[in-house]
């Protein structure tokens, strides 16, 4: 998934974080990013696996994506706590 690749490429992650990302529950991340209101709040637009920043502050968007990816990867955000919105 592109947002996982972005986080891996753009940030200096710890070995624990890299290990967690390697085994990230993609379905949970897909469900979160499937919510249009969350994508808007993050400042992104999604088309397939591609992400596009739709606000002026790329750094803030990447930081928020990093937090989201790591929360899912480290199981701080679990599938049962995520409700999918409709596109």
Protein backbone atom coordinates (compact mmCIF):
# COMPACT_ATOMS: atom_id res chain seq x y z
CA UNK A 1 0.00 0.00 0.00
CA UNK A 2 1.36 3.39 -0.98
CA UNK A 3 0.92 5.11 2.39
CA UNK A 4 2.98 2.37 4.08
CA UNK A 5 5.69 2.84 1.44
CA UNK A 6 5.64 6.61 2.00
CA UNK A 7 6.10 6.21 5.73
CA UNK A 8 8.91 3.70 5.23
CA UNK A 9 10.66 5.95 2.69
CA UNK A 10 10.23 9.35 4.36
CA UNK A 11 10.83 8.62 8.04
CA UNK A 12 13.69 7.22 10.07
CA UNK A 13 11.81 4.39 11.78
CA UNK A 14 13.02 2.26 14.65
CA UNK A 15 13.65 -1.44 14.13
CA UNK A 16 10.48 -2.18 16.13
CA UNK A 17 8.43 0.10 13.87
CA UNK A 18 9.92 -1.41 10.70
CA UNK A 19 9.15 -4.91 11.95
CA UNK A 20 5.57 -3.92 12.80
CA UNK A 21 5.05 -2.27 9.40
CA UNK A 22 6.30 -5.40 7.68
CA UNK A 23 3.34 -7.28 9.23
CA UNK A 24 0.78 -4.47 9.19
CA UNK A 25 -2.87 -5.57 9.07
CA UNK A 26 -3.64 -4.05 5.68
CA UNK A 27 -7.40 -4.63 5.97
CA UNK A 28 -7.54 -2.35 9.01
CA UNK A 29 -5.60 0.36 7.20
CA UNK A 30 -7.82 -0.07 4.13
CA UNK A 31 -10.92 0.30 6.28
CA UNK A 32 -9.63 3.49 7.89
CA UNK A 33 -8.59 5.01 4.56
CA UNK A 34 -11.93 3.95 3.10
CA UNK A 35 -13.64 6.59 5.23
CA UNK A 36 -14.04 9.77 3.14
CA UNK A 37 -14.34 12.04 6.18
CA UNK A 38 -11.09 10.69 7.61
CA UNK A 39 -9.30 11.18 4.28
CA UNK A 40 -10.52 14.77 4.22
CA UNK A 41 -9.37 15.31 7.81
CA UNK A 42 -5.95 13.86 6.90
CA UNK A 43 -5.77 16.12 3.84
CA UNK A 44 -5.57 13.34 1.27
CA UNK A 45 -7.47 12.04 -1.71
CA UNK A 46 -7.22 8.40 -2.69
CA UNK A 47 -7.52 6.75 -6.08
CA UNK A 48 -6.77 3.06 -5.91
CA UNK A 49 -3.42 2.69 -4.16
CA UNK A 50 -2.34 6.24 -5.01
CA UNK A 51 -2.59 9.08 -2.51
CA UNK A 52 -2.66 12.76 -3.33
CA UNK A 53 -2.20 15.52 -0.77
CA UNK A 54 -5.04 18.03 -1.10
CA UNK A 55 -3.82 20.63 1.42
CA UNK A 56 -0.82 22.96 1.41
CA UNK A 57 1.02 21.37 4.33
CA UNK A 58 2.66 18.16 3.01
CA UNK A 59 4.68 17.75 6.21
CA UNK A 60 1.61 17.70 8.43
CA UNK A 61 -0.13 15.20 6.13
CA UNK A 62 2.89 12.89 6.08
CA UNK A 63 3.18 13.12 9.86
CA UNK A 64 -0.49 12.21 10.27
CA UNK A 65 -0.09 9.27 7.86
CA UNK A 66 2.94 8.10 9.81
CA UNK A 67 0.94 8.20 13.05
CA UNK A 68 -1.94 6.32 11.43
CA UNK A 69 0.28 3.64 9.86
CA UNK A 70 2.19 3.09 13.09
CA UNK A 71 -1.00 2.98 15.19
CA UNK A 72 -2.35 0.23 12.93
CA UNK A 73 1.00 -1.58 12.66
CA UNK A 74 1.62 -1.52 16.43
CA UNK A 75 -2.00 -2.57 17.00
CA UNK A 76 -2.94 0.59 18.88
CA UNK A 77 -5.81 0.91 16.42
CA UNK A 78 -7.68 -2.35 15.93
CA UNK A 79 -10.17 -3.40 13.29
CA UNK A 80 -13.06 -3.62 15.76
CA UNK A 81 -12.65 0.06 16.64
CA UNK A 82 -12.79 1.17 13.01
CA UNK A 83 -16.04 1.83 11.19
CA UNK A 84 -15.93 2.27 7.45
CA UNK A 85 -17.68 5.20 5.80
CA UNK A 86 -19.25 5.10 2.39
CA UNK A 87 -17.55 6.68 -0.61
